[in-house]
Protein backbone atom coordinates (compact mmCIF):
# COMPACT_ATOMS: atom_id res chain seq x y z
CA UNK A 1 -0.25 0.37 -0.26
CA UNK A 2 1.14 3.51 -0.73
CA UNK A 3 0.16 6.26 1.43
CA UNK A 4 -1.36 9.51 -0.47
CA UNK A 5 0.15 12.13 1.78
CA UNK A 6 2.75 14.23 1.43
CA UNK A 7 6.54 13.58 2.45
CA UNK A 8 7.94 9.98 2.19
CA UNK A 9 9.62 7.46 4.53
CA UNK A 10 10.08 3.84 5.12
CA UNK A 11 8.02 3.04 7.95
CA UNK A 12 5.05 5.23 9.40
CA UNK A 13 3.71 3.72 12.93
CA UNK A 14 0.18 4.98 13.41
CA UNK A 15 -0.34 5.79 17.33
CA UNK A 16 2.34 7.23 19.87
CA UNK A 17 1.57 4.29 22.78
CA UNK A 18 4.09 1.72 23.91
CA UNK A 19 3.10 -0.45 21.32
CA UNK A 20 3.61 1.72 18.34
CA UNK A 21 6.81 3.31 19.93
CA UNK A 22 8.23 -0.12 20.47
CA UNK A 23 8.21 -0.83 17.10
CA UNK A 24 9.40 2.76 16.04
CA UNK A 25 12.43 2.48 17.99
CA UNK A 26 13.11 -1.44 16.89
CA UNK A 27 12.50 -0.17 13.01
CA UNK A 28 14.98 2.93 13.60
CA UNK A 29 17.46 1.04 15.45
CA UNK A 30 17.47 -1.42 12.42
CA UNK A 31 18.59 1.76 9.95
CA UNK A 32 14.96 2.64 9.12
CA UNK A 33 13.37 5.98 8.18
CA UNK A 34 10.47 5.98 10.74
CA UNK A 35 7.82 8.57 11.22
CA UNK A 36 5.31 8.36 14.03
CA UNK A 37 1.99 9.81 13.36
CA UNK A 38 -0.11 10.68 17.16
CA UNK A 39 -3.48 12.72 17.24
CA UNK A 40 -3.38 13.83 20.48
CA UNK A 41 -1.22 16.79 21.48
CA UNK A 42 1.24 14.57 24.17
CA UNK A 43 2.27 10.79 23.26
CA UNK A 44 2.02 7.82 25.17
CA UNK A 45 -1.36 6.27 24.33
CA UNK A 46 -2.28 4.68 27.57
CA UNK A 47 0.84 5.34 29.46
CA UNK A 48 0.76 9.35 29.72
CA UNK A 49 0.90 11.84 32.55
CA UNK A 50 -0.46 14.96 32.15
CA UNK A 51 -1.58 18.07 34.91
CA UNK A 52 -5.41 17.85 34.92
CA UNK A 53 -5.51 21.54 36.64
CA UNK A 54 -6.90 20.35 39.67
CA UNK A 55 -4.34 21.23 41.77
CA UNK A 56 -1.03 22.93 41.29
CA UNK A 57 1.65 21.04 40.87
CA UNK A 58 0.20 17.16 40.93
CA UNK A 59 0.11 15.45 37.43
CA UNK A 60 -2.13 12.52 36.86
CA UNK A 61 -1.57 8.84 34.79
CA UNK A 62 -4.74 9.11 32.62
CA UNK A 63 -4.76 5.42 32.18
CA UNK A 64 -1.95 2.71 33.27
CA UNK A 65 -0.02 3.70 36.72
CA UNK A 66 1.20 0.87 37.99
CA UNK A 67 3.28 -1.13 35.93
CA UNK A 68 3.62 -4.92 36.66
CA UNK A 69 4.92 -6.08 33.46
CA UNK A 70 7.35 -3.40 31.51
CA UNK A 71 10.61 -4.78 34.18
CA UNK A 72 9.37 -8.31 33.06
CA UNK A 73 8.73 -7.51 29.44
CA UNK A 74 11.63 -9.40 26.85
CA UNK A 75 11.31 -6.27 25.04
CA UNK A 76 11.86 -3.65 27.56
CA UNK A 77 14.80 -5.97 29.17
CA UNK A 78 16.36 -5.34 26.16
CA UNK A 79 15.88 -2.32 25.99
CA UNK A 80 16.98 -1.94 30.01
CA UNK A 81 14.86 0.43 31.27
CA UNK A 82 16.94 1.60 34.38
CA UNK A 83 20.21 2.56 32.12
CA UNK A 84 17.76 5.34 30.64
CA UNK A 85 16.94 6.84 33.98
CA UNK A 86 13.66 5.48 34.21
CA UNK A 87 13.33 4.52 37.64
CA UNK A 88 10.72 1.75 38.90
CA UNK A 89 9.72 2.03 42.71
CA UNK A 90 8.54 -1.01 43.97
CA UNK A 91 5.86 -0.44 47.32
CA UNK A 92 6.72 -3.13 49.79
CA UNK A 93 3.26 -4.77 49.16
CA UNK A 94 2.32 -5.04 45.62
CA UNK A 95 -1.34 -5.40 46.14
CA UNK A 96 -4.24 -5.22 48.71
CA UNK A 97 -7.32 -6.56 49.05
CA UNK A 98 -9.45 -4.85 51.63
CA UNK A 99 -12.60 -6.76 53.36
CA UNK A 100 -15.28 -6.29 56.10
CA UNK A 101 -14.32 -5.88 59.80
CA UNK A 102 -11.09 -4.43 59.27
CA UNK A 103 -9.29 -7.60 57.95
CA UNK A 104 -7.13 -7.61 54.54
CA UNK A 105 -4.98 -9.91 52.21
CA UNK A 106 -1.87 -8.15 51.81
CA UNK A 107 0.62 -9.44 48.67
CA UNK A 108 3.53 -8.24 49.79
CA UNK A 109 6.73 -8.23 47.60
CA UNK A 110 8.12 -11.12 49.83
CA UNK A 111 6.31 -13.82 49.09
CA UNK A 112 7.39 -15.55 52.81
CA UNK A 113 5.72 -12.85 54.43
CA UNK A 114 2.38 -13.29 52.07
CA UNK A 115 2.18 -16.95 52.87
CA UNK A 116 2.57 -15.99 56.71
CA UNK A 117 -0.24 -13.32 56.78
CA UNK A 118 -2.44 -16.09 55.14
CA UNK A 119 -2.76 -18.03 57.78
CA UNK A 120 -3.83 -21.75 56.59
CA UNK A 121 -4.26 -20.72 53.29
CA UNK A 122 -0.62 -19.68 53.50
CA UNK A 123 0.85 -23.39 51.45
CA UNK A 124 -2.12 -23.04 49.39
CA UNK A 125 -0.60 -19.48 47.73
CA UNK A 126 2.49 -20.93 47.60
CA UNK A 127 1.64 -23.79 45.88
CA UNK A 128 -0.17 -21.96 43.52
CA UNK A 129 1.62 -18.46 43.03
CA UNK A 130 4.53 -18.81 44.86
CA UNK A 131 5.40 -21.78 42.25
CA UNK A 132 5.13 -19.78 39.23
CA UNK A 133 6.55 -16.66 40.75
CA UNK A 134 10.17 -18.58 41.30
CA UNK A 135 9.81 -19.13 37.62
CA UNK A 136 8.50 -15.75 36.74
CA UNK A 137 10.80 -15.91 33.36
CA UNK A 138 8.99 -18.91 31.78
CA UNK A 139 5.22 -17.70 32.64
CA UNK A 140 6.32 -14.37 30.96
CA UNK A 141 7.42 -16.87 28.33
CA UNK A 142 4.18 -18.43 27.91
CA UNK A 143 1.59 -15.50 28.66
CA UNK A 144 3.56 -12.81 26.99
CA UNK A 145 4.33 -14.75 23.31
CA UNK A 146 2.60 -13.76 19.81
CA UNK A 147 -0.08 -17.37 21.19
CA UNK A 148 0.98 -18.62 17.90
CA UNK A 149 4.34 -20.38 18.18
CA UNK A 150 6.61 -21.91 21.26
CA UNK A 151 8.20 -19.18 22.90
CA UNK A 152 12.03 -19.07 22.15
CA UNK A 153 13.75 -20.77 25.45
CA UNK A 154 10.62 -22.32 26.37
CA UNK A 155 11.21 -26.12 25.71
CA UNK A 156 12.57 -27.75 27.24
CA UNK A 157 13.49 -26.10 30.53
CA UNK A 158 10.23 -24.12 31.12
CA UNK A 159 8.37 -27.07 30.06
CA UNK A 160 7.18 -27.97 33.49
CA UNK A 161 6.31 -24.04 34.76
CA UNK A 162 4.35 -24.03 31.53
CA UNK A 163 2.33 -26.79 32.39
CA UNK A 164 1.99 -25.64 35.95
CA UNK A 165 0.52 -21.78 34.84
CA UNK A 166 -2.06 -24.00 32.43
CA UNK A 167 -3.29 -26.40 35.17
CA UNK A 168 -3.50 -23.08 37.20
CA UNK A 169 -5.36 -21.66 34.69
CA UNK A 170 -7.65 -24.55 34.50
CA UNK A 171 -8.76 -24.59 37.88
CA UNK A 172 -8.82 -20.77 39.09
CA UNK A 173 -10.78 -20.36 35.46
CA UNK A 174 -14.27 -22.59 36.57
CA UNK A 175 -15.61 -23.03 39.30
CA UNK A 176 -13.19 -25.18 40.61
CA UNK A 177 -11.61 -22.34 42.12
CA UNK A 178 -13.41 -22.74 45.59
CA UNK A 179 -11.99 -25.78 46.45
CA UNK A 180 -7.79 -24.71 46.78
CA UNK A 181 -8.27 -22.31 50.08
CA UNK A 182 -10.12 -22.63 52.89
CA UNK A 183 -10.76 -18.91 53.94
CA UNK A 184 -11.96 -15.85 52.46
CA UNK A 185 -8.90 -13.85 52.03
CA UNK A 186 -6.66 -15.70 49.81
CA UNK A 187 -9.23 -16.19 47.05
CA UNK A 188 -10.47 -12.96 47.37
CA UNK A 189 -6.65 -11.28 47.13
CA UNK A 190 -6.43 -13.50 44.14
CA UNK A 191 -9.27 -12.40 42.56
CA UNK A 192 -8.73 -8.94 42.57
CA UNK A 193 -6.05 -9.40 39.87
CA UNK A 194 -8.03 -11.47 38.05
CA UNK A 195 -10.71 -8.60 37.77
CA UNK A 196 -8.17 -6.74 35.79
CA UNK A 197 -9.32 -8.65 33.01
CA UNK A 198 -13.11 -6.79 33.27
CA UNK A 199 -14.90 -10.04 32.00
CA UNK A 200 -17.00 -12.12 34.22
CA UNK A 201 -15.73 -14.68 36.97
CA UNK A 202 -14.68 -16.91 36.89
CA UNK A 203 -13.33 -17.30 33.42
CA UNK A 204 -9.63 -18.66 31.80
CA UNK A 205 -8.48 -15.22 30.62
CA UNK A 206 -9.43 -13.73 33.88
CA UNK A 207 -7.22 -16.72 35.70
CA UNK A 208 -4.41 -16.50 33.07
CA UNK A 209 -4.11 -12.56 33.89
CA UNK A 210 -4.47 -13.21 38.11
CA UNK A 211 -1.27 -15.93 37.40
CA UNK A 212 0.75 -13.82 35.43
CA UNK A 213 -0.06 -10.52 37.32
CA UNK A 214 0.06 -12.58 40.85
CA UNK A 215 2.99 -14.22 40.25
CA UNK A 216 5.38 -11.25 39.15
CA UNK A 217 3.98 -9.75 42.39
CA UNK A 218 6.04 -11.49 44.29
CA UNK A 219 9.24 -11.27 41.53
CA UNK A 220 11.62 -8.96 40.66
CA UNK A 221 10.64 -5.42 40.51
CA UNK A 222 7.39 -6.10 41.24
CA UNK A 223 3.96 -3.78 40.69
CA UNK A 224 6.56 -0.92 40.16
CA UNK A 225 5.27 2.32 39.82
CA UNK A 226 7.61 5.05 37.68
CA UNK A 227 9.19 7.49 39.46
CA UNK A 228 7.20 11.07 38.20
CA UNK A 229 4.33 8.81 36.28
CA UNK A 230 4.04 6.42 33.51
CA UNK A 231 5.30 8.73 30.86
CA UNK A 232 8.94 8.22 32.06
CA UNK A 233 8.79 4.98 30.13
CA UNK A 234 6.94 6.70 26.61
CA UNK A 235 9.74 9.42 27.19
CA UNK A 236 12.39 6.79 26.90
CA UNK A 237 11.25 5.50 24.04
CA UNK A 238 10.91 8.55 22.05
CA UNK A 239 14.05 9.56 23.18
CA UNK A 240 15.50 6.97 21.80
CA UNK A 241 13.49 6.88 18.35
CA UNK A 242 14.82 10.35 18.11
CA UNK A 243 18.26 9.42 18.65
CA UNK A 244 18.31 6.66 15.69
CA UNK A 245 16.71 9.47 13.54
CA UNK A 246 13.04 8.41 13.63
CA UNK A 247 10.66 11.59 14.31
CA UNK A 248 7.29 11.96 16.47
CA UNK A 249 4.37 13.95 14.69
CA UNK A 250 1.71 14.66 17.50
CA UNK A 251 -1.70 15.97 16.23
CA UNK A 252 -1.61 14.17 13.16
CA UNK A 253 -4.90 12.23 13.31
CA UNK A 254 -5.22 9.57 10.66
CA UNK A 255 -8.58 9.18 9.36
CA UNK A 256 -7.86 7.90 5.81
CA UNK A 257 -5.39 6.76 3.38
CA UNK A 258 -4.72 10.15 2.40
CA UNK A 259 -3.91 11.30 5.56
CA UNK A 260 -0.33 9.00 5.22
CA UNK A 261 2.79 9.69 3.73
CA UNK A 262 4.31 7.42 0.98
CA UNK A 263 6.19 4.97 2.75
CA UNK A 264 7.20 0.89 2.11
CA UNK A 265 5.64 -0.22 5.83
CA UNK A 266 2.94 0.88 7.83
CA UNK A 267 1.85 0.15 11.51
CA UNK A 268 -0.90 0.85 13.59
CA UNK A 269 -1.22 0.71 16.87
CA UNK A 270 -4.57 0.96 16.59
CA UNK A 271 -7.76 -1.15 16.79
CA UNK A 272 -8.75 -3.15 14.23
CA UNK A 273 -11.67 -1.08 13.62
CA UNK A 274 -9.35 2.20 13.05
CA UNK A 275 -7.76 -0.15 10.60
CA UNK A 276 -10.87 -0.94 8.49
CA UNK A 277 -11.45 2.73 8.59
CA UNK A 278 -8.48 4.37 7.55
CA UNK A 279 -7.79 1.55 4.40
CA UNK A 280 -11.24 1.07 3.60
CA UNK A 281 -11.50 -0.52 0.14
CA UNK A 282 -7.40 -1.14 -0.09
CA UNK A 283 -8.30 -4.14 2.54
CA UNK A 284 -9.51 -7.02 1.02
CA UNK A 285 -13.09 -7.87 1.82
CA UNK A 286 -12.17 -10.96 3.49
CA UNK A 287 -9.32 -9.04 5.31
CA UNK A 288 -12.32 -6.15 6.94
CA UNK A 289 -14.85 -9.41 7.71
CA UNK A 290 -12.43 -11.16 10.05
CA UNK A 291 -10.92 -7.90 11.43
CA UNK A 292 -14.62 -6.32 11.84
CA UNK A 293 -15.86 -9.45 13.85
CA UNK A 294 -13.18 -8.25 16.47
CA UNK A 295 -14.95 -8.18 19.85
CA UNK A 296 -14.85 -5.27 22.50
CA UNK A 297 -14.95 -5.37 26.19
CA UNK A 298 -16.99 -4.10 28.94
CA UNK A 299 -15.62 -0.16 30.34
CA UNK A 300 -13.55 1.27 32.73
CA UNK A 301 -14.55 5.09 34.52
CA UNK A 302 -11.77 6.81 35.55
CA UNK A 303 -12.37 8.76 38.87
CA UNK A 304 -8.96 10.99 39.32
CA UNK A 305 -9.04 12.35 43.09
CA UNK A 306 -6.34 15.13 44.65
CA UNK A 307 -6.14 14.17 48.05
CA UNK A 308 -4.93 16.05 51.60
CA UNK A 309 -3.77 12.89 52.65
CA UNK A 310 -3.08 8.93 52.78
CA UNK A 311 -6.37 7.29 52.49
CA UNK A 312 -7.49 6.54 56.13
CA UNK A 313 -7.74 2.44 55.43
CA UNK A 314 -9.49 0.96 58.27
CA UNK A 315 -6.19 -1.81 57.74
CA UNK A 316 -3.33 0.35 58.58
CA UNK A 317 -1.11 -1.69 56.04
CA UNK A 318 -2.86 -1.45 53.01
CA UNK A 319 -1.41 2.44 53.12
CA UNK A 320 1.87 0.56 52.01
CA UNK A 321 0.48 -1.11 49.10
CA UNK A 322 0.95 0.28 45.71
CA UNK A 323 -2.45 -1.03 44.28
CA UNK A 324 -5.15 -1.89 46.02
CA UNK A 325 -8.17 -3.81 44.35
CA UNK A 326 -11.40 -2.44 46.28
CA UNK A 327 -14.43 -5.16 45.55
CA UNK A 328 -14.60 -6.96 48.70
CA UNK A 329 -14.93 -11.06 48.80
CA UNK A 330 -14.57 -13.43 45.71
CA UNK A 331 -18.22 -13.99 45.47
CA UNK A 332 -19.18 -9.88 45.82
CA UNK A 333 -16.91 -8.92 42.57
CA UNK A 334 -18.09 -11.87 40.95
CA UNK A 335 -21.14 -10.39 41.09
CA UNK A 336 -20.02 -6.93 40.42
CA UNK A 337 -18.50 -8.11 37.46
CA UNK A 338 -21.57 -10.19 36.40
CA UNK A 339 -23.43 -7.18 36.90
CA UNK A 340 -21.28 -5.12 34.64
CA UNK A 341 -21.27 -8.45 32.07
CA UNK A 342 -25.50 -8.13 31.65
CA UNK A 343 -25.26 -4.07 30.78
CA UNK A 344 -25.94 -3.08 34.68
CA UNK A 345 -23.66 -0.85 36.93
CA UNK A 346 -23.21 -2.49 40.17
CA UNK A 347 -23.97 -0.97 43.18
CA UNK A 348 -20.18 -1.46 44.29
CA UNK A 349 -18.43 -1.41 40.93
CA UNK A 350 -15.19 -3.37 40.99
CA UNK A 351 -12.78 -0.58 41.33
CA UNK A 352 -8.46 -0.43 41.29
CA UNK A 353 -7.39 2.48 43.12
CA UNK A 354 -3.19 3.36 43.21
CA UNK A 355 -1.32 6.16 45.64
CA UNK A 356 1.76 6.60 44.17
CA UNK A 357 2.93 8.85 46.87
CA UNK A 358 3.52 5.26 48.49
CA UNK A 359 6.61 4.89 46.94
CA UNK A 360 7.49 7.95 45.06
CA UNK A 361 7.75 11.54 46.96
CA UNK A 362 7.76 13.43 44.18
CA UNK A 363 3.92 13.05 43.15
CA UNK A 364 3.36 15.31 46.30
CA UNK A 365 2.83 19.06 45.84
CA UNK A 366 2.30 21.34 48.37
CA UNK A 367 0.76 18.42 50.69
CA UNK A 368 -1.60 17.34 48.41
CA UNK A 369 -1.34 13.42 46.10
CA UNK A 370 -2.84 12.87 43.08
CA UNK A 371 -5.31 9.01 43.78
CA UNK A 372 -5.47 6.94 40.46
CA UNK A 373 -9.28 5.34 40.49
CA UNK A 374 -10.97 2.71 37.77
CA UNK A 375 -14.66 1.45 37.89
CA UNK A 376 -15.99 -1.04 35.76
CA UNK A 377 -18.77 -0.06 34.16
CA UNK A 378 -20.78 -1.28 30.90
CA UNK A 379 -19.59 -0.60 27.65
CA UNK A 380 -20.35 2.76 26.59
CA UNK A 381 -21.67 4.15 30.27
CA UNK A 382 -21.97 7.47 30.22
CA UNK A 383 -22.76 7.15 33.98
CA UNK A 384 -20.61 9.62 36.54
CA UNK A 385 -18.70 7.11 38.75
CA UNK A 386 -17.49 9.28 41.40
CA UNK A 387 -19.80 9.00 43.94
CA UNK A 388 -20.04 5.34 43.51
CA UNK A 389 -16.04 5.01 43.89
CA UNK A 390 -16.46 7.23 46.84
CA UNK A 391 -18.48 5.73 48.71
CA UNK A 392 -16.90 2.28 48.33
CA UNK A 393 -13.13 3.25 48.87
CA UNK A 394 -15.47 5.12 52.27
CA UNK A 395 -16.61 1.50 53.13
CA UNK A 396 -13.49 0.45 53.68
CA UNK A 397 -11.52 3.63 54.26
CA UNK A 398 -13.94 5.60 56.76
CA UNK A 399 -13.22 9.36 56.61
CA UNK A 400 -11.90 9.37 52.65
CA UNK A 401 -14.26 12.21 51.90
CA UNK A 402 -12.96 14.30 54.44
CA UNK A 403 -9.10 14.17 52.77
CA UNK A 404 -10.88 14.49 49.02
CA UNK A 405 -9.88 17.97 47.85
CA UNK A 406 -10.90 17.47 44.24
CA UNK A 407 -12.29 15.20 41.61
CA UNK A 408 -12.36 13.89 38.10
CA UNK A 409 -14.23 11.82 36.23
CA UNK A 410 -14.23 10.04 32.75
CA UNK A 411 -17.12 8.19 31.79
CA UNK A 412 -16.21 5.16 29.89
CA UNK A 413 -18.02 6.65 26.94
CA UNK A 414 -15.78 9.42 26.72
CA UNK A 415 -12.49 7.32 27.27
CA UNK A 416 -11.58 7.18 23.77
CA UNK A 417 -11.45 11.04 23.83
CA UNK A 418 -8.31 10.49 24.93
CA UNK A 419 -7.12 7.19 23.44
CA UNK A 420 -9.15 6.41 20.22
CA UNK A 421 -8.22 2.40 21.38
CA UNK A 422 -10.96 2.96 24.40
CA UNK A 423 -13.81 1.44 22.41
CA UNK A 424 -17.08 2.33 24.79
CA UNK A 425 -14.39 2.58 27.52
CA UNK A 426 -12.60 -0.71 26.74
CA UNK A 427 -9.18 0.01 28.09
CA UNK A 428 -7.73 -3.36 27.41
CA UNK A 429 -8.51 -2.64 23.19
CA UNK A 430 -10.67 -5.93 22.92
CA UNK A 431 -12.35 -8.01 25.00
CA UNK A 432 -10.24 -10.62 26.89
CA UNK A 433 -11.82 -13.36 26.56
CA UNK A 434 -10.25 -17.20 25.76
CA UNK A 435 -10.73 -17.04 22.59
CA UNK A 436 -9.81 -13.15 22.13
CA UNK A 437 -6.27 -14.46 24.01
CA UNK A 438 -5.76 -16.91 21.35
CA UNK A 439 -7.30 -15.52 18.20
CA UNK A 440 -6.17 -11.75 18.82
CA UNK A 441 -7.66 -10.12 16.72
CA UNK A 442 -8.47 -13.18 13.77
CA UNK A 443 -7.64 -16.59 13.60
CA UNK A 444 -4.87 -16.09 10.73
CA UNK A 445 -1.28 -17.43 11.53
CA UNK A 446 0.12 -14.36 11.87
CA UNK A 447 -2.17 -11.78 14.12
CA UNK A 448 -0.27 -8.64 13.27
CA UNK A 449 -0.79 -9.16 9.56
CA UNK A 450 -4.02 -6.93 8.31
CA UNK A 451 -4.28 -8.83 4.75
CA UNK A 452 -2.95 -5.91 3.20
CA UNK A 453 0.72 -6.13 2.11
CA UNK A 454 2.73 -4.19 4.40
CA UNK A 455 0.03 -2.91 6.78
CA UNK A 456 0.31 -4.50 10.14
CA UNK A 457 -1.51 -3.81 13.45
CA UNK A 458 0.73 -3.64 16.67
CA UNK A 459 -1.45 -2.53 19.52
CA UNK A 460 -3.19 -4.34 22.59
CA UNK A 461 -5.99 -5.52 20.14
CA UNK A 462 -2.91 -8.00 19.13
CA UNK A 463 -0.53 -10.92 21.39
CA UNK A 464 -0.01 -10.95 23.88
CA UNK A 465 -2.73 -8.16 24.39
CA UNK A 466 -3.24 -5.19 27.21
CA UNK A 467 0.04 -4.06 29.54
CA UNK A 468 2.66 -1.54 28.99
CA UNK A 469 5.08 -3.90 27.76
CA UNK A 470 5.75 -2.87 24.22
CA UNK A 471 5.52 -6.62 23.03
CA UNK A 472 2.95 -6.10 20.27
CA UNK A 473 4.98 -3.92 18.44
CA UNK A 474 8.16 -5.57 18.72
CA UNK A 475 6.70 -8.49 17.84
CA UNK A 476 5.10 -6.58 14.71
CA UNK A 477 7.96 -4.53 14.11
CA UNK A 478 10.21 -7.95 13.61
CA UNK A 479 7.72 -9.29 10.81
CA UNK A 480 7.38 -5.98 8.75
CA UNK A 481 11.29 -5.85 8.90
CA UNK A 482 11.55 -9.20 7.82
CA UNK A 483 9.34 -9.43 5.08
CA UNK A 484 9.06 -6.06 3.54
CA UNK A 485 12.80 -5.13 4.08
CA UNK A 486 14.45 -8.44 3.77
CA UNK A 487 15.73 -7.71 7.79
CA UNK A 488 16.06 -11.07 9.62
CA UNK A 489 18.43 -10.33 12.60
CA UNK A 490 16.63 -8.43 15.59
CA UNK A 491 18.32 -4.73 16.44
CA UNK A 492 19.96 -4.43 19.66
CA UNK A 493 17.96 -2.31 21.73
CA UNK A 494 20.73 -1.55 24.28
CA UNK A 495 21.36 1.93 25.04
């Protein structure tokens, strides 16, 4: 395909999210001329940190805030974020799950301490999550691969871990999930992680999410928070791209082929819907039908708070957690997610909360601090969930209202205004289901191909799915380099 717009470059990347920038960096380091087109005034996609005007000097992560996968991603391990000045700060407690009566599940970075805190269910946690965390690299190879080929390095050493991961997904993805634990704290602690998938519980996709993220909580950098906000990661990617001759053009929406410069290869860090809209009749009818069948999931509504102090959690240890899953027991979370799947707003919606000041004092300004939160809602919801989120947090942190200085809600229906990939508020850029984990975005042998020569998808709508890991971009760029330019050797990503 040849773009109709002015100018000429070898590679055009549409979208400057983590995957788009990872693709651009990969191509630029291979010696190709790269141009990135971003519709928004700022880069980063789901990894942006902005001043929302709620309080002087207080900035907010507008989507992804906690980076449980950035340090573990093979792309970023090669890229070496630390060497580029990106500090990934590790909370002592990766995540917490408040329960009634002042109790809480606490996933410490230290596995032994977590096991001890879970009492009678501690050994069961160790055998399920702890075993995987000890072999997290093999878990990452399985869960963050392209879902079409055997991950490099998995055979033969990683086969036992892959098998253990698969069996654990089968257990936690069905009603058998209630057989492992005897109390209510450990299952709630794991289910809070599963709920990141925004899908009915239990399900195989949610179980895979829980076991991947749960194992990373006890390994490496844990559920880290970048100093200064998530933009530190995308700023590092942009700096490397520009150092290798690439360029990023902001406020450059791509709506039709006419908006694209002439190039040999195009990589879209977008949903399949955008590819269909842009390419139009240049996309073969069969490919258009396949991409058009891609399903989008339920939504998230964002509520950003400014607080005058820390959240007054009833259980004091929760104040040391980088992430808090506010949802109650396993049964309560399953019921809330069932409401959302049925198109209803839950009275107490599944809510994710993060206070970056727990590890990053630079995020506090004049005694004020940001608090990040999401609530799960039906796709396309236009409801302001500020009161529902506030009441839900207040249930486990009496007095929370008293420390709220300001707030702002972005309903699910408006999430796409700052990131077109969030169709109806779907922050995963596609439903997280077992089918779409393996047929994402279509059943094609190459999940990054669009059916049009030289045009590739590289977003969270492709394997391995959502998250700040850069792998969709890395995998797609490797294919484009090989098929379009004959470059078979992967570029060195080191600084």
